[in-house]
Amino acid sequence: MNVSIVKDDVAPWSREEFAARLQAMEPYYHIHHPFQVKMNSGQLSKAAVQGWVLNRFYYQTAIPNKDAALLSNCPDREVRRRWIQRIIDHDGNEQAEGGIERWVRLGMACGLPREQIESQRDVLPGVRFAVDAYVNFVRRASWQEGVASSLTELFAPTIHKERISEWPKHYPWIEQTGLDYFKGRVSEAHRDVAHGMGLTLDLFRTRAEQERALEILRFKLSVLWTMLDAMTMAYLYEQPPFFNVKGPLNV
């Protein structure tokens, strides 16, 4: 990640300007990746949609680990008390099944066996590397930087709403109950965005800190984009890793 050098005497952006600059990163969100555009317009094969679901499951299971790492670095009790809800949202508890289980049901609605989804054996190396890089970043970063890395959620409600409205038209073979994950995330994402954005605007006060927050957001956007690059090669161009190598891969 490139780190900008900003002189201490450079005036910080106003709260409104800083927020606008964060919002202006939206064109780099993975909703605009060609793979995602094709998926939301009904241009993917069943195998490609299933491949996306299998690979994104690895990301879903990593989010609670990322959030737990952030909490372990955070000495602020009030922040921890609110942030921990994100782990519950994904892992679930006695009252709610959680996003990970809803994602498994999405995969099953797409015709995938639970065992295949949960085994993660079909996760592409490029996806695995990108997701692991994100989790490792949050583990090693300050908790404030971990918060900034979550701000791709600013753009998430749009993509969830599009899937809810467009998938039934384009992929009628997907059972409708499989869309429960996206329906649940619309409200959860709005709540998380308000909290994460508010913290970022409060915590990154100097110009150097604000520039750093933008760099972190760019990094997270790159993680999500890179995941789709790997899926594009595997499912659109039919060139998964080692596709041109004959014989088994020796490990």
C-alpha atoms as a PDB file:
ATOM      1  CA  MET A   1       0.000   0.000   0.000  1.00  0.00           C
ATOM      2  CA  ASN A   2       1.383   3.401  -0.957  1.00  0.00           C
ATOM      3  CA  VAL A   3       1.574   5.858   1.909  1.00  0.00           C
ATOM      4  CA  SER A   4       1.236   9.554   1.101  1.00  0.00           C
ATOM      5  CA  ILE A   5       3.491  12.037   2.888  1.00  0.00           C
ATOM      6  CA  VAL A   6       1.451  15.038   4.000  1.00  0.00           C
ATOM      7  CA  LYS A   7       3.067  17.942   5.826  1.00  0.00           C
ATOM      8  CA  ASP A   8       1.798  18.623   9.313  1.00  0.00           C
ATOM      9  CA  ASP A   9       0.882  22.198   8.435  1.00  0.00           C
ATOM     10  CA  VAL A  10      -1.537  21.199   5.637  1.00  0.00           C
ATOM     11  CA  ALA A  11      -5.045  22.055   6.766  1.00  0.00           C
ATOM     12  CA  PRO A  12      -7.366  19.098   7.243  1.00  0.00           C
ATOM     13  CA  TRP A  13     -10.454  18.781   5.124  1.00  0.00           C
ATOM     14  CA  SER A  14     -13.691  19.786   6.751  1.00  0.00           C
ATOM     15  CA  ARG A  15     -15.859  16.962   8.038  1.00  0.00           C
ATOM     16  CA  GLU A  16     -18.144  17.427   5.026  1.00  0.00           C
ATOM     17  CA  GLU A  17     -15.271  17.440   2.510  1.00  0.00           C
ATOM     18  CA  PHE A  18     -13.689  14.378   4.083  1.00  0.00           C
ATOM     19  CA  ALA A  19     -17.001  12.509   3.947  1.00  0.00           C
ATOM     20  CA  ALA A  20     -17.467  13.533   0.313  1.00  0.00           C
ATOM     21  CA  ARG A  21     -14.009  12.255  -0.605  1.00  0.00           C
ATOM     22  CA  LEU A  22     -14.746   8.905   1.000  1.00  0.00           C
ATOM     23  CA  GLN A  23     -18.076   8.696  -0.831  1.00  0.00           C
ATOM     24  CA  ALA A  24     -16.332   9.610  -4.089  1.00  0.00           C
ATOM     25  CA  MET A  25     -14.544   6.247  -4.051  1.00  0.00           C
ATOM     26  CA  GLU A  26     -17.811   4.551  -5.082  1.00  0.00           C
ATOM     27  CA  PRO A  27     -16.825   4.089  -8.778  1.00  0.00           C
ATOM     28  CA  TYR A  28     -14.130   1.654  -7.608  1.00  0.00           C
ATOM     29  CA  TYR A  29     -16.579  -0.525  -5.690  1.00  0.00           C
ATOM     30  CA  HIS A  30     -16.876  -4.046  -7.061  1.00  0.00           C
ATOM     31  CA  ILE A  31     -20.476  -3.457  -8.136  1.00  0.00           C
ATOM     32  CA  HIS A  32     -18.873  -1.912 -11.251  1.00  0.00           C
ATOM     33  CA  HIS A  33     -16.586  -4.862 -11.989  1.00  0.00           C
ATOM     34  CA  PRO A  34     -17.522  -6.490 -15.334  1.00  0.00           C
ATOM     35  CA  PHE A  35     -18.158  -9.817 -13.595  1.00  0.00           C
ATOM     36  CA  GLN A  36     -20.605  -8.179 -11.192  1.00  0.00           C
ATOM     37  CA  VAL A  37     -22.284  -6.236 -14.007  1.00  0.00           C
ATOM     38  CA  LYS A  38     -22.800  -9.438 -15.953  1.00  0.00           C
ATOM     39  CA  MET A  39     -24.157 -11.222 -12.906  1.00  0.00           C
ATOM     40  CA  ASN A  40     -26.706  -8.549 -12.075  1.00  0.00           C
ATOM     41  CA  SER A  41     -27.870  -8.352 -15.691  1.00  0.00           C
ATOM     42  CA  GLY A  42     -28.409 -12.104 -16.053  1.00  0.00           C
ATOM     43  CA  GLN A  43     -25.404 -12.813 -18.265  1.00  0.00           C
ATOM     44  CA  LEU A  44     -23.711 -15.432 -16.093  1.00  0.00           C
ATOM     45  CA  SER A  45     -24.082 -19.167 -16.439  1.00  0.00           C
ATOM     46  CA  LYS A  46     -25.368 -21.244 -13.565  1.00  0.00           C
ATOM     47  CA  ALA A  47     -21.835 -22.544 -12.981  1.00  0.00           C
ATOM     48  CA  ALA A  48     -20.455 -19.004 -12.775  1.00  0.00           C
ATOM     49  CA  VAL A  49     -23.117 -17.899 -10.274  1.00  0.00           C
ATOM     50  CA  GLN A  50     -22.417 -20.982  -8.190  1.00  0.00           C
ATOM     51  CA  GLY A  51     -18.691 -20.264  -8.367  1.00  0.00           C
ATOM     52  CA  TRP A  52     -19.277 -16.741  -7.105  1.00  0.00           C
ATOM     53  CA  VAL A  53     -21.346 -18.033  -4.195  1.00  0.00           C
ATOM     54  CA  LEU A  54     -18.697 -20.606  -3.257  1.00  0.00           C
ATOM     55  CA  ASN A  55     -15.891 -18.045  -3.310  1.00  0.00           C
ATOM     56  CA  ARG A  56     -17.776 -15.289  -1.525  1.00  0.00           C
ATOM     57  CA  PHE A  57     -18.528 -17.742   1.273  1.00  0.00           C
ATOM     58  CA  TYR A  58     -14.834 -17.619   2.148  1.00  0.00           C
ATOM     59  CA  TYR A  59     -15.155 -13.850   2.518  1.00  0.00           C
ATOM     60  CA  GLN A  60     -18.302 -14.182   4.647  1.00  0.00           C
ATOM     61  CA  THR A  61     -16.600 -16.578   7.065  1.00  0.00           C
ATOM     62  CA  ALA A  62     -13.577 -14.261   7.336  1.00  0.00           C
ATOM     63  CA  ILE A  63     -15.551 -11.168   8.360  1.00  0.00           C
ATOM     64  CA  PRO A  64     -16.121 -12.239  11.996  1.00  0.00           C
ATOM     65  CA  ASN A  65     -12.400 -13.027  12.299  1.00  0.00           C
ATOM     66  CA  LYS A  66     -11.595  -9.577  10.942  1.00  0.00           C
ATOM     67  CA  ASP A  67     -13.985  -7.923  13.363  1.00  0.00           C
ATOM     68  CA  ALA A  68     -12.668  -9.967  16.284  1.00  0.00           C
ATOM     69  CA  ALA A  69      -9.152  -8.812  15.397  1.00  0.00           C
ATOM     70  CA  LEU A  70     -10.325  -5.202  15.381  1.00  0.00           C
ATOM     71  CA  LEU A  71     -11.966  -5.644  18.786  1.00  0.00           C
ATOM     72  CA  SER A  72      -8.816  -7.201  20.225  1.00  0.00           C
ATOM     73  CA  ASN A  73      -6.918  -4.019  19.278  1.00  0.00           C
ATOM     74  CA  CYS A  74      -9.550  -1.613  20.590  1.00  0.00           C
ATOM     75  CA  PRO A  75      -9.351  -0.264  24.176  1.00  0.00           C
ATOM     76  CA  ASP A  76     -12.569   1.746  23.837  1.00  0.00           C
ATOM     77  CA  ARG A  77     -15.406  -0.126  25.558  1.00  0.00           C
ATOM     78  CA  GLU A  78     -18.187   1.852  23.873  1.00  0.00           C
ATOM     79  CA  VAL A  79     -16.784   1.091  20.424  1.00  0.00           C
ATOM     80  CA  ARG A  80     -16.444  -2.591  21.317  1.00  0.00           C
ATOM     81  CA  ARG A  81     -20.006  -2.782  22.615  1.00  0.00           C
ATOM     82  CA  ARG A  82     -21.375  -1.573  19.306  1.00  0.00           C
ATOM     83  CA  TRP A  83     -18.877  -3.227  16.963  1.00  0.00           C
ATOM     84  CA  ILE A  84     -19.411  -6.687  18.403  1.00  0.00           C
ATOM     85  CA  GLN A  85     -22.882  -6.695  16.848  1.00  0.00           C
ATOM     86  CA  ARG A  86     -21.192  -7.242  13.495  1.00  0.00           C
ATOM     87  CA  ILE A  87     -19.839 -10.583  14.677  1.00  0.00           C
ATOM     88  CA  ILE A  88     -23.274 -11.606  15.921  1.00  0.00           C
ATOM     89  CA  ASP A  89     -24.800 -10.553  12.594  1.00  0.00           C
ATOM     90  CA  HIS A  90     -22.552 -13.010  10.780  1.00  0.00           C
ATOM     91  CA  ASP A  91     -22.148 -15.828  13.299  1.00  0.00           C
ATOM     92  CA  GLY A  92     -25.683 -15.674  14.703  1.00  0.00           C
ATOM     93  CA  ASN A  93     -26.804 -16.674  18.190  1.00  0.00           C
ATOM     94  CA  GLU A  94     -29.735 -18.338  19.929  1.00  0.00           C
ATOM     95  CA  GLN A  95     -32.137 -15.745  18.521  1.00  0.00           C
ATOM     96  CA  ALA A  96     -30.907 -15.430  14.927  1.00  0.00           C
ATOM     97  CA  GLU A  97     -29.186 -17.736  12.457  1.00  0.00           C
ATOM     98  CA  GLY A  98     -26.702 -15.128  11.210  1.00  0.00           C
ATOM     99  CA  GLY A  99     -25.353 -14.149   7.826  1.00  0.00           C
ATOM    100  CA  ILE A 100     -23.015 -17.100   7.400  1.00  0.00           C
ATOM    101  CA  GLU A 101     -25.879 -19.561   7.704  1.00  0.00           C
ATOM    102  CA  ARG A 102     -28.025 -17.424   5.395  1.00  0.00           C
ATOM    103  CA  TRP A 103     -25.186 -17.549   2.857  1.00  0.00           C
ATOM    104  CA  VAL A 104     -25.110 -21.335   3.099  1.00  0.00           C
ATOM    105  CA  ARG A 105     -28.832 -21.304   2.362  1.00  0.00           C
ATOM    106  CA  LEU A 106     -28.137 -19.062  -0.636  1.00  0.00           C
ATOM    107  CA  GLY A 107     -25.700 -21.645  -1.935  1.00  0.00           C
ATOM    108  CA  MET A 108     -28.174 -24.449  -1.405  1.00  0.00           C
ATOM    109  CA  ALA A 109     -30.841 -22.378  -3.199  1.00  0.00           C
ATOM    110  CA  CYS A 110     -28.386 -22.255  -6.111  1.00  0.00           C
ATOM    111  CA  GLY A 111     -28.173 -26.048  -6.157  1.00  0.00           C
ATOM    112  CA  LEU A 112     -24.979 -26.517  -4.157  1.00  0.00           C
ATOM    113  CA  PRO A 113     -24.696 -29.119  -1.374  1.00  0.00           C
ATOM    114  CA  ARG A 114     -24.028 -27.735   2.104  1.00  0.00           C
ATOM    115  CA  GLU A 115     -20.910 -29.881   2.422  1.00  0.00           C
ATOM    116  CA  GLN A 116     -19.378 -28.426  -0.740  1.00  0.00           C
ATOM    117  CA  ILE A 117     -20.022 -24.857   0.430  1.00  0.00           C
ATOM    118  CA  GLU A 118     -18.709 -25.315   3.949  1.00  0.00           C
ATOM    119  CA  SER A 119     -15.651 -27.328   2.881  1.00  0.00           C
ATOM    120  CA  GLN A 120     -14.250 -24.269   1.024  1.00  0.00           C
ATOM    121  CA  ARG A 121     -12.338 -26.653  -1.219  1.00  0.00           C
ATOM    122  CA  ASP A 122     -13.417 -24.774  -4.360  1.00  0.00           C
ATOM    123  CA  VAL A 123     -12.166 -21.360  -3.213  1.00  0.00           C
ATOM    124  CA  LEU A 124      -9.821 -19.930  -5.836  1.00  0.00           C
ATOM    125  CA  PRO A 125      -6.267 -19.113  -4.678  1.00  0.00           C
ATOM    126  CA  GLY A 126      -6.630 -15.489  -5.786  1.00  0.00           C
ATOM    127  CA  VAL A 127      -9.759 -15.089  -3.684  1.00  0.00           C
ATOM    128  CA  ARG A 128      -8.136 -16.767  -0.700  1.00  0.00           C
ATOM    129  CA  PHE A 129      -5.061 -14.539  -0.934  1.00  0.00           C
ATOM    130  CA  ALA A 130      -7.134 -11.351  -1.204  1.00  0.00           C
ATOM    131  CA  VAL A 131      -9.383 -12.190   1.742  1.00  0.00           C
ATOM    132  CA  ASP A 132      -6.458 -13.309   3.895  1.00  0.00           C
ATOM    133  CA  ALA A 133      -4.647 -10.062   3.086  1.00  0.00           C
ATOM    134  CA  TYR A 134      -7.629  -8.105   4.386  1.00  0.00           C
ATOM    135  CA  VAL A 135      -7.886 -10.068   7.634  1.00  0.00           C
ATOM    136  CA  ASN A 136      -4.136  -9.840   8.207  1.00  0.00           C
ATOM    137  CA  PHE A 137      -4.209  -6.102   7.569  1.00  0.00           C
ATOM    138  CA  VAL A 138      -6.809  -5.571  10.292  1.00  0.00           C
ATOM    139  CA  ARG A 139      -4.908  -7.818  12.704  1.00  0.00           C
ATOM    140  CA  ARG A 140      -1.757  -5.726  12.333  1.00  0.00           C
ATOM    141  CA  ALA A 141      -3.297  -2.289  11.907  1.00  0.00           C
ATOM    142  CA  SER A 142      -4.598   0.025  14.590  1.00  0.00           C
ATOM    143  CA  TRP A 143      -8.249  -0.433  15.430  1.00  0.00           C
ATOM    144  CA  GLN A 144      -8.918   2.997  13.930  1.00  0.00           C
ATOM    145  CA  GLU A 145      -7.474   1.825  10.608  1.00  0.00           C
ATOM    146  CA  GLY A 146      -9.562  -1.325  10.879  1.00  0.00           C
ATOM    147  CA  VAL A 147     -12.646   0.850  11.150  1.00  0.00           C
ATOM    148  CA  ALA A 148     -11.683   2.776   8.012  1.00  0.00           C
ATOM    149  CA  SER A 149     -11.221  -0.475   6.097  1.00  0.00           C
ATOM    150  CA  SER A 150     -14.875  -1.324   6.709  1.00  0.00           C
ATOM    151  CA  LEU A 151     -16.144   1.690   4.776  1.00  0.00           C
ATOM    152  CA  THR A 152     -16.806  -0.221   1.571  1.00  0.00           C
ATOM    153  CA  GLU A 153     -20.135  -0.791   3.357  1.00  0.00           C
ATOM    154  CA  LEU A 154     -20.983   2.743   2.251  1.00  0.00           C
ATOM    155  CA  PHE A 155     -21.767   1.320  -1.160  1.00  0.00           C
ATOM    156  CA  ALA A 156     -23.174  -2.093  -0.190  1.00  0.00           C
ATOM    157  CA  PRO A 157     -26.929  -1.393   0.220  1.00  0.00           C
ATOM    158  CA  THR A 158     -27.210  -0.599  -3.490  1.00  0.00           C
ATOM    159  CA  ILE A 159     -25.788  -3.928  -4.581  1.00  0.00           C
ATOM    160  CA  HIS A 160     -27.976  -5.887  -2.152  1.00  0.00           C
ATOM    161  CA  LYS A 161     -31.110  -4.142  -3.404  1.00  0.00           C
ATOM    162  CA  GLU A 162     -30.159  -4.848  -7.014  1.00  0.00           C
ATOM    163  CA  ARG A 163     -29.744  -8.550  -6.322  1.00  0.00           C
ATOM    164  CA  ILE A 164     -33.092  -8.711  -4.546  1.00  0.00           C
ATOM    165  CA  SER A 165     -34.865  -7.088  -7.489  1.00  0.00           C
ATOM    166  CA  GLU A 166     -32.929  -8.493 -10.456  1.00  0.00           C
ATOM    167  CA  TRP A 167     -31.990 -12.060  -9.585  1.00  0.00           C
ATOM    168  CA  PRO A 168     -35.567 -13.433  -9.621  1.00  0.00           C
ATOM    169  CA  LYS A 169     -35.914 -12.108 -13.192  1.00  0.00           C
ATOM    170  CA  HIS A 170     -32.597 -13.426 -14.486  1.00  0.00           C
ATOM    171  CA  TYR A 171     -32.065 -16.570 -12.410  1.00  0.00           C
ATOM    172  CA  PRO A 172     -35.470 -18.126 -11.747  1.00  0.00           C
ATOM    173  CA  TRP A 173     -33.740 -21.415 -10.930  1.00  0.00           C
ATOM    174  CA  ILE A 174     -32.536 -19.899  -7.629  1.00  0.00           C
ATOM    175  CA  GLU A 175     -35.026 -20.587  -4.852  1.00  0.00           C
ATOM    176  CA  GLN A 176     -36.355 -17.293  -3.482  1.00  0.00           C
ATOM    177  CA  THR A 177     -35.527 -18.092   0.131  1.00  0.00           C
ATOM    178  CA  GLY A 178     -31.888 -17.944  -0.894  1.00  0.00           C
ATOM    179  CA  LEU A 179     -32.150 -14.152  -1.155  1.00  0.00           C
ATOM    180  CA  ASP A 180     -32.678 -13.809   2.597  1.00  0.00           C
ATOM    181  CA  TYR A 181     -29.006 -12.920   3.067  1.00  0.00           C
ATOM    182  CA  PHE A 182     -29.293  -9.825   0.884  1.00  0.00           C
ATOM    183  CA  LYS A 183     -32.580  -8.770   2.484  1.00  0.00           C
ATOM    184  CA  GLY A 184     -31.054  -8.957   5.938  1.00  0.00           C
ATOM    185  CA  ARG A 185     -27.936  -7.046   4.968  1.00  0.00           C
ATOM    186  CA  VAL A 186     -29.824  -4.012   3.645  1.00  0.00           C
ATOM    187  CA  SER A 187     -30.808  -2.857   7.131  1.00  0.00           C
ATOM    188  CA  GLU A 188     -27.645  -4.152   8.813  1.00  0.00           C
ATOM    189  CA  ALA A 189     -25.416  -2.344   6.320  1.00  0.00           C
ATOM    190  CA  HIS A 190     -27.219   0.971   6.808  1.00  0.00           C
ATOM    191  CA  ARG A 191     -26.668   0.685  10.571  1.00  0.00           C
ATOM    192  CA  ASP A 192     -23.011  -0.302  10.175  1.00  0.00           C
ATOM    193  CA  VAL A 193     -22.352   2.491   7.680  1.00  0.00           C
ATOM    194  CA  ALA A 194     -23.651   5.130  10.058  1.00  0.00           C
ATOM    195  CA  HIS A 195     -21.430   3.834  12.867  1.00  0.00           C
ATOM    196  CA  GLY A 196     -18.296   3.250  10.763  1.00  0.00           C
ATOM    197  CA  MET A 197     -18.528   6.561   8.939  1.00  0.00           C
ATOM    198  CA  GLY A 198     -19.142   8.491  12.133  1.00  0.00           C
ATOM    199  CA  LEU A 199     -16.114   6.886  13.793  1.00  0.00           C
ATOM    200  CA  THR A 200     -13.886   7.542  10.785  1.00  0.00           C
ATOM    201  CA  LEU A 201     -14.857  11.209  10.620  1.00  0.00           C
ATOM    202  CA  ASP A 202     -14.222  11.536  14.365  1.00  0.00           C
ATOM    203  CA  LEU A 203     -10.950   9.597  14.505  1.00  0.00           C
ATOM    204  CA  PHE A 204      -9.104  10.807  11.397  1.00  0.00           C
ATOM    205  CA  ARG A 205      -8.744  14.507  12.144  1.00  0.00           C
ATOM    206  CA  THR A 206      -5.478  15.741  10.608  1.00  0.00           C
ATOM    207  CA  ARG A 207      -4.910  15.910   6.871  1.00  0.00           C
ATOM    208  CA  ALA A 208      -2.339  13.109   7.075  1.00  0.00           C
ATOM    209  CA  GLU A 209      -4.802  10.905   8.941  1.00  0.00           C
ATOM    210  CA  GLN A 210      -7.544  11.674   6.439  1.00  0.00           C
ATOM    211  CA  GLU A 211      -5.261  10.795   3.533  1.00  0.00           C
ATOM    212  CA  ARG A 212      -4.416   7.557   5.312  1.00  0.00           C
ATOM    213  CA  ALA A 213      -8.096   6.677   5.663  1.00  0.00           C
ATOM    214  CA  LEU A 214      -8.552   7.133   1.913  1.00  0.00           C
ATOM    215  CA  GLU A 215      -5.566   4.878   1.221  1.00  0.00           C
ATOM    216  CA  ILE A 216      -7.033   2.195   3.469  1.00  0.00           C
ATOM    217  CA  LEU A 217     -10.375   2.425   1.693  1.00  0.00           C
ATOM    218  CA  ARG A 218      -8.578   2.063  -1.651  1.00  0.00           C
ATOM    219  CA  PHE A 219      -6.867  -1.055  -0.320  1.00  0.00           C
ATOM    220  CA  LYS A 220     -10.188  -2.614   0.710  1.00  0.00           C
ATOM    221  CA  LEU A 221     -11.741  -1.737  -2.642  1.00  0.00           C
ATOM    222  CA  SER A 222      -8.772  -3.469  -4.305  1.00  0.00           C
ATOM    223  CA  VAL A 223      -9.386  -6.596  -2.222  1.00  0.00           C
ATOM    224  CA  LEU A 224     -12.975  -6.861  -3.428  1.00  0.00           C
ATOM    225  CA  TRP A 225     -12.043  -6.085  -7.042  1.00  0.00           C
ATOM    226  CA  THR A 226      -9.204  -8.626  -7.049  1.00  0.00           C
ATOM    227  CA  MET A 227     -11.561 -11.357  -5.869  1.00  0.00           C
ATOM    228  CA  LEU A 228     -13.680 -10.793  -8.969  1.00  0.00           C
ATOM    229  CA  ASP A 229     -10.603 -10.712 -11.211  1.00  0.00           C
ATOM    230  CA  ALA A 230      -9.839 -14.260 -10.065  1.00  0.00           C
ATOM    231  CA  MET A 231     -13.428 -15.361 -10.655  1.00  0.00           C
ATOM    232  CA  THR A 232     -13.448 -13.781 -14.102  1.00  0.00           C
ATOM    233  CA  MET A 233     -10.468 -15.868 -15.183  1.00  0.00           C
ATOM    234  CA  ALA A 234     -11.929 -19.058 -13.732  1.00  0.00           C
ATOM    235  CA  TYR A 235     -15.598 -18.801 -14.720  1.00  0.00           C
ATOM    236  CA  LEU A 236     -15.805 -16.427 -17.706  1.00  0.00           C
ATOM    237  CA  TYR A 237     -12.572 -17.263 -19.521  1.00  0.00           C
ATOM    238  CA  GLU A 238     -12.542 -20.823 -18.164  1.00  0.00           C
ATOM    239  CA  GLN A 239      -8.908 -20.438 -17.140  1.00  0.00           C
ATOM    240  CA  PRO A 240      -8.708 -21.372 -13.461  1.00  0.00           C
ATOM    241  CA  PRO A 241      -5.272 -21.712 -11.841  1.00  0.00           C
ATOM    242  CA  PHE A 242      -3.096 -24.325 -13.592  1.00  0.00           C
ATOM    243  CA  PHE A 243      -5.734 -24.854 -16.318  1.00  0.00           C
ATOM    244  CA  ASN A 244      -2.979 -25.456 -18.884  1.00  0.00           C
ATOM    245  CA  VAL A 245      -0.928 -27.861 -16.762  1.00  0.00           C
ATOM    246  CA  LYS A 246      -1.304 -31.549 -17.446  1.00  0.00           C
ATOM    247  CA  GLY A 247      -1.407 -34.002 -14.585  1.00  0.00           C
ATOM    248  CA  PRO A 248      -2.157 -33.549 -10.890  1.00  0.00           C
ATOM    249  CA  LEU A 249      -0.696 -30.721  -8.860  1.00  0.00           C
ATOM    250  CA  ASN A 250       1.979 -32.128  -6.580  1.00  0.00           C
ATOM    251  CA  VAL A 251       1.724 -30.689  -3.068  1.00  0.00           C
END
